């Protein structure tokens, strides 16, 4: 299933249907899709279609990759300046890795556990 980001907004993704060249529009923030299966069946039941699930899975994998990259970078660098690391990967990712215990911060320096 091919997925691409729409120019319509950050939360909109286009997911190719089984008919080549046709795309369904997924709003990942609202968890909606314009495919008939979602619109006429699943939405009333509070369920998600395969297009919404595919975008969610893709985003989860992308986030997981960023976490792994951050940890790998710190392991390769030894001890890293926290500001530098936050600029490279985002404060949210670094904070979560510290909370999980995968990274340790001490006086502005970050190292892997």
Protein backbone atom coordinates (compact mmCIF):
# COMPACT_ATOMS: atom_id res chain seq x y z
CA UNK A 1 0.00 0.00 0.00
CA UNK A 2 1.60 3.28 -1.10
CA UNK A 3 1.24 6.22 1.29
CA UNK A 4 2.23 9.80 0.70
CA UNK A 5 1.78 13.03 2.61
CA UNK A 6 -0.77 15.43 1.15
CA UNK A 7 -0.01 19.07 0.48
CA UNK A 8 -3.42 19.83 2.08
CA UNK A 9 -2.03 19.70 5.63
CA UNK A 10 0.29 17.94 8.05
CA UNK A 11 -2.37 15.51 9.23
CA UNK A 12 -3.58 14.48 5.74
CA UNK A 13 -2.16 11.42 3.97
CA UNK A 14 -3.07 9.85 0.64
CA UNK A 15 -3.24 6.06 0.58
CA UNK A 16 -3.35 4.32 -2.79
CA UNK A 17 -6.39 2.13 -3.27
CA UNK A 18 -6.39 -1.25 -4.99
CA UNK A 19 -7.32 0.66 -8.16
CA UNK A 20 -3.94 1.96 -9.26
CA UNK A 21 -3.73 5.76 -9.36
CA UNK A 22 -6.70 6.28 -7.03
CA UNK A 23 -6.00 7.52 -3.51
CA UNK A 24 -8.06 7.63 -0.32
CA UNK A 25 -7.62 10.65 1.92
CA UNK A 26 -6.79 9.88 5.57
CA UNK A 27 -6.88 12.53 8.29
CA UNK A 28 -4.68 10.88 10.88
CA UNK A 29 -5.46 13.43 13.59
CA UNK A 30 -9.22 12.88 13.31
CA UNK A 31 -8.76 9.19 12.40
CA UNK A 32 -11.02 9.48 9.34
CA UNK A 33 -10.85 8.21 5.75
CA UNK A 34 -12.97 8.91 2.69
CA UNK A 35 -13.05 5.29 1.48
CA UNK A 36 -16.58 3.84 1.21
CA UNK A 37 -15.88 1.03 3.68
CA UNK A 38 -15.03 3.55 6.42
CA UNK A 39 -17.68 6.14 5.50
CA UNK A 40 -20.63 3.74 5.20
CA UNK A 41 -19.74 0.92 7.60
CA UNK A 42 -16.87 1.38 10.02
CA UNK A 43 -17.40 4.98 11.13
CA UNK A 44 -20.80 4.20 12.67
CA UNK A 45 -19.23 1.32 14.60
CA UNK A 46 -16.30 3.44 15.80
CA UNK A 47 -13.85 1.24 13.90
CA UNK A 48 -10.89 2.13 11.68
CA UNK A 49 -10.31 1.08 8.08
CA UNK A 50 -7.13 -0.48 6.72
CA UNK A 51 -6.05 2.88 5.27
CA UNK A 52 -6.13 4.63 8.67
CA UNK A 53 -4.32 1.67 10.25
CA UNK A 54 -1.65 1.72 7.50
CA UNK A 55 -0.90 5.42 8.09
CA UNK A 56 -0.81 4.88 11.86
CA UNK A 57 1.61 1.96 11.47
CA UNK A 58 3.83 3.97 9.13
CA UNK A 59 4.01 6.88 11.58
CA UNK A 60 4.74 4.56 14.51
CA UNK A 61 7.60 2.96 12.58
CA UNK A 62 9.00 6.38 11.61
CA UNK A 63 8.95 7.48 15.25
CA UNK A 64 10.57 4.23 16.37
CA UNK A 65 13.33 4.79 13.80
CA UNK A 66 14.04 8.26 15.23
CA UNK A 67 14.32 6.83 18.75
CA UNK A 68 16.75 4.18 17.54
CA UNK A 69 18.79 6.73 15.59
CA UNK A 70 19.11 8.96 18.67
CA UNK A 71 20.30 6.10 20.87
CA UNK A 72 22.72 4.87 18.19
CA UNK A 73 24.13 8.39 17.78
CA UNK A 74 24.76 8.74 21.51
CA UNK A 75 26.35 5.28 21.71
CA UNK A 76 28.68 6.14 18.82
CA UNK A 77 29.54 9.57 20.24
CA UNK A 78 30.05 8.48 23.82
CA UNK A 79 28.90 11.57 25.69
CA UNK A 80 26.90 14.19 23.77
CA UNK A 81 25.84 17.76 24.52
CA UNK A 82 22.11 17.76 25.33
CA UNK A 83 21.34 20.91 23.29
CA UNK A 84 23.04 19.43 20.23
CA UNK A 85 21.07 16.20 20.61
CA UNK A 86 17.75 18.03 21.06
CA UNK A 87 18.41 20.09 17.93
CA UNK A 88 19.10 16.90 15.96
CA UNK A 89 16.22 14.72 17.20
CA UNK A 90 13.70 16.91 19.14
CA UNK A 91 13.19 17.45 22.82
CA UNK A 92 10.24 15.04 22.97
CA UNK A 93 12.28 12.10 21.70
CA UNK A 94 15.22 12.80 24.03
CA UNK A 95 12.94 13.31 27.05
CA UNK A 96 11.16 10.03 26.38
CA UNK A 97 14.45 8.14 26.00
CA UNK A 98 15.61 9.57 29.33
CA UNK A 99 12.31 8.58 30.98
CA UNK A 100 12.65 5.05 29.59
CA UNK A 101 16.16 4.85 31.00
CA UNK A 102 17.83 4.40 27.60
CA UNK A 103 19.72 7.68 27.98
CA UNK A 104 21.13 9.42 31.05
CA UNK A 105 21.49 13.19 31.38
CA UNK A 106 24.02 14.71 33.76
CA UNK A 107 24.93 18.42 33.77
CA UNK A 108 23.98 19.06 30.15
CA UNK A 109 25.64 15.93 28.79
CA UNK A 110 23.82 12.81 27.63
CA UNK A 111 25.15 9.27 27.45
CA UNK A 112 23.65 5.86 26.73
CA UNK A 113 22.99 3.38 29.52
